[in-house]
Protein backbone atom coordinates (compact mmCIF):
# COMPACT_ATOMS: atom_id res chain seq x y z
CA MET A 1 126.06 11.41 -127.80
CA THR A 2 122.69 12.00 -130.06
CA SER A 3 122.51 9.57 -132.63
CA ASP A 4 122.07 12.12 -134.70
CA GLN A 5 125.49 12.11 -134.24
CA ILE A 6 126.60 8.73 -135.54
CA THR A 7 126.44 8.28 -138.99
CA ILE A 8 125.30 4.24 -140.56
CA ARG A 9 126.82 3.27 -143.49
CA ASN A 10 127.49 0.74 -145.77
CA ALA A 11 131.65 -0.27 -145.62
CA THR A 12 133.48 0.47 -147.90
CA LEU A 13 137.10 -1.24 -148.70
CA GLU A 14 138.66 1.70 -147.47
CA ASP A 15 137.93 0.69 -144.02
CA LEU A 16 139.14 -2.52 -144.45
CA SER A 17 142.07 -2.00 -142.18
CA ILE A 18 140.17 -0.81 -139.71
CA LEU A 19 137.51 -3.69 -139.93
CA LEU A 20 140.69 -5.79 -139.47
CA HIS A 21 141.31 -4.54 -136.19
CA PHE A 22 137.81 -4.77 -135.25
CA GLU A 23 137.89 -7.82 -136.04
CA GLN A 24 141.18 -9.09 -133.70
CA GLY A 25 139.05 -7.14 -131.21
CA ILE A 26 136.50 -9.66 -131.14
CA ILE A 27 138.38 -12.51 -131.32
CA THR A 28 140.57 -11.67 -128.10
CA ALA A 29 136.85 -10.90 -126.47
CA GLU A 30 135.55 -14.22 -127.42
CA ARG A 31 138.42 -16.63 -126.78
CA PRO A 32 137.85 -16.48 -123.34
CA PHE A 33 134.75 -18.32 -124.11
CA ASP A 34 136.08 -20.83 -126.29
CA VAL A 35 138.98 -22.60 -125.63
CA THR A 36 138.79 -24.46 -129.18
CA ILE A 37 139.72 -21.03 -130.88
CA LYS A 38 142.51 -21.50 -132.63
CA GLU A 39 145.83 -19.86 -131.62
CA ASP A 40 147.17 -16.27 -133.47
CA PRO A 41 146.96 -15.57 -135.95
CA ILE A 42 143.34 -16.47 -136.90
CA SER A 43 140.82 -14.76 -139.08
CA TYR A 44 137.04 -15.44 -138.45
CA TYR A 45 135.97 -13.15 -142.02
CA ASP A 46 136.65 -13.06 -145.53
CA LEU A 47 135.80 -9.24 -145.43
CA LYS A 48 136.84 -7.89 -148.41
CA GLN A 49 134.86 -10.32 -149.99
CA MET A 50 131.88 -9.33 -148.00
CA ILE A 51 132.10 -6.13 -148.55
CA LEU A 52 131.84 -6.83 -152.53
CA ASP A 53 129.05 -9.46 -152.05
CA ASP A 54 125.84 -7.83 -153.37
CA ASN A 55 124.30 -10.63 -151.18
CA SER A 56 126.05 -9.59 -148.06
CA CYS A 57 125.60 -6.12 -146.28
CA VAL A 58 128.74 -4.87 -143.49
CA ILE A 59 128.06 -1.93 -142.49
CA VAL A 60 129.70 0.72 -140.06
CA ALA A 61 128.87 3.11 -137.61
CA GLU A 62 131.32 6.59 -137.54
CA VAL A 63 131.05 9.60 -134.95
CA ASP A 64 133.02 12.61 -136.39
CA GLY A 65 134.17 10.73 -139.69
CA LYS A 66 136.39 8.14 -137.45
CA VAL A 67 134.47 4.29 -137.81
CA VAL A 68 133.68 2.89 -134.27
CA SER A 69 131.31 -0.09 -134.95
CA SER A 70 130.45 -2.67 -137.66
CA GLY A 71 128.21 -5.34 -138.08
CA TYR A 72 127.22 -7.74 -140.95
CA ALA A 73 123.89 -9.40 -142.00
CA ILE A 74 124.82 -12.27 -144.56
CA SER A 75 122.06 -14.69 -146.26
CA LYS A 76 122.49 -18.09 -144.77
CA ARG A 77 120.54 -21.99 -145.93
CA ALA A 78 118.30 -23.26 -142.90
CA ARG A 79 118.06 -26.54 -142.26
CA HIS A 80 115.41 -28.37 -144.09
CA TYR A 81 112.87 -29.25 -141.27
CA LEU A 82 112.34 -25.11 -140.51
CA ASP A 83 109.63 -23.24 -141.65
CA HIS A 84 111.76 -21.12 -143.96
CA GLU A 85 114.76 -21.84 -146.56
CA TYR A 86 117.06 -18.93 -145.98
CA TYR A 87 117.43 -16.52 -142.96
CA ALA A 88 119.49 -13.41 -142.08
CA TYR A 89 122.42 -14.31 -140.35
CA LEU A 90 123.64 -11.30 -137.99
CA GLY A 91 127.81 -11.42 -137.19
CA PHE A 92 130.91 -9.05 -136.88
CA MET A 93 129.25 -7.07 -134.15
CA TYR A 94 132.13 -5.08 -132.42
CA THR A 95 132.48 -1.16 -131.16
CA ASP A 96 135.68 0.50 -129.90
CA PRO A 97 135.42 0.49 -126.14
CA ALA A 98 135.60 4.10 -125.87
CA TYR A 99 132.12 4.27 -127.62
CA ARG A 100 130.54 1.55 -125.75
CA GLY A 101 126.82 2.08 -123.64
CA LYS A 102 125.68 4.72 -126.69
CA GLY A 103 123.56 3.15 -128.15
CA ILE A 104 125.31 2.23 -131.07
CA ASN A 105 125.11 -1.60 -131.38
CA ALA A 106 121.60 -0.93 -131.52
CA LEU A 107 121.28 1.57 -134.46
CA ILE A 108 124.09 -1.10 -136.54
CA VAL A 109 121.47 -4.12 -135.62
CA ASP A 110 118.40 -1.95 -136.68
CA GLU A 111 119.87 -1.19 -140.13
CA LEU A 112 120.94 -4.71 -140.47
CA LYS A 113 117.41 -5.98 -139.50
CA LYS A 114 116.23 -2.85 -141.93
CA TRP A 115 118.26 -4.67 -144.67
CA SER A 116 117.75 -8.08 -143.57
CA HIS A 117 113.41 -7.11 -144.59
CA GLU A 118 114.06 -5.42 -147.39
CA ASN A 119 115.74 -8.87 -148.55
CA GLY A 120 112.97 -10.61 -147.82
CA PHE A 121 114.26 -12.28 -145.08
CA GLN A 122 111.57 -13.06 -142.28
CA GLU A 123 114.16 -14.99 -139.73
CA ILE A 124 116.91 -13.20 -138.25
CA ARG A 125 119.51 -15.23 -136.62
CA LEU A 126 122.53 -14.60 -134.89
CA THR A 127 124.84 -16.48 -132.22
CA VAL A 128 126.36 -15.45 -128.81
CA TYR A 129 128.33 -17.74 -126.24
CA SER A 130 126.17 -18.53 -123.98
CA ASP A 131 128.61 -16.86 -120.70
CA ASN A 132 129.09 -13.53 -122.66
CA LEU A 133 126.23 -11.65 -120.62
CA PRO A 134 126.68 -8.12 -121.66
CA ALA A 135 126.43 -9.29 -125.49
CA ILE A 136 123.17 -11.04 -124.25
CA LYS A 137 121.75 -8.44 -122.25
CA ALA A 138 122.77 -6.15 -125.49
CA TYR A 139 120.94 -8.68 -127.77
CA GLU A 140 117.73 -8.62 -125.67
CA LYS A 141 117.35 -5.39 -125.70
CA VAL A 142 117.14 -4.97 -129.41
CA GLY A 143 114.29 -7.38 -129.31
CA PHE A 144 116.44 -11.18 -129.72
CA LYS A 145 115.56 -13.79 -127.49
CA LYS A 146 117.22 -16.94 -126.51
CA HIS A 147 116.50 -19.61 -128.76
CA ILE A 148 118.80 -23.17 -128.54
CA ILE A 149 122.20 -23.44 -126.61
CA GLU A 150 124.94 -25.58 -128.67
CA MET A 151 127.02 -27.76 -126.54
CA ARG A 152 130.03 -29.31 -126.58
CA LEU A 153 131.84 -32.49 -125.47
CA GLU A 154 135.47 -32.91 -125.72
């Protein structure tokens, strides 16, 4: 599969049902990494609101008209002591298992980075579980570097 066979576009409300399915896929994938996630049913995002919000960018990748991947960028306020007031936060990264390993996530990240820079964000961040080695590797491939580890105590 080549990148010219993949279409990256803004998500629409018509995509909501597949995006909600992707969200559950993310939750399922992240459960083994986080014992504090509540029992089902849960939802991470208000995807409808994010699609409608001019201050966020929800995108999808299509192959042969089928939505196979997603991601978003939103504005977040930085901590008061940092050298930037706001940053772009990337999330909702999901690719249908049948389409993984084909560079689609990199295309999603590239488009979200483009949106972030066009909207004046110099700082772009995301979070990933420290034990999620495949995700860490994928994000490092597109230029992200490990920055901080959040620790918890029960």
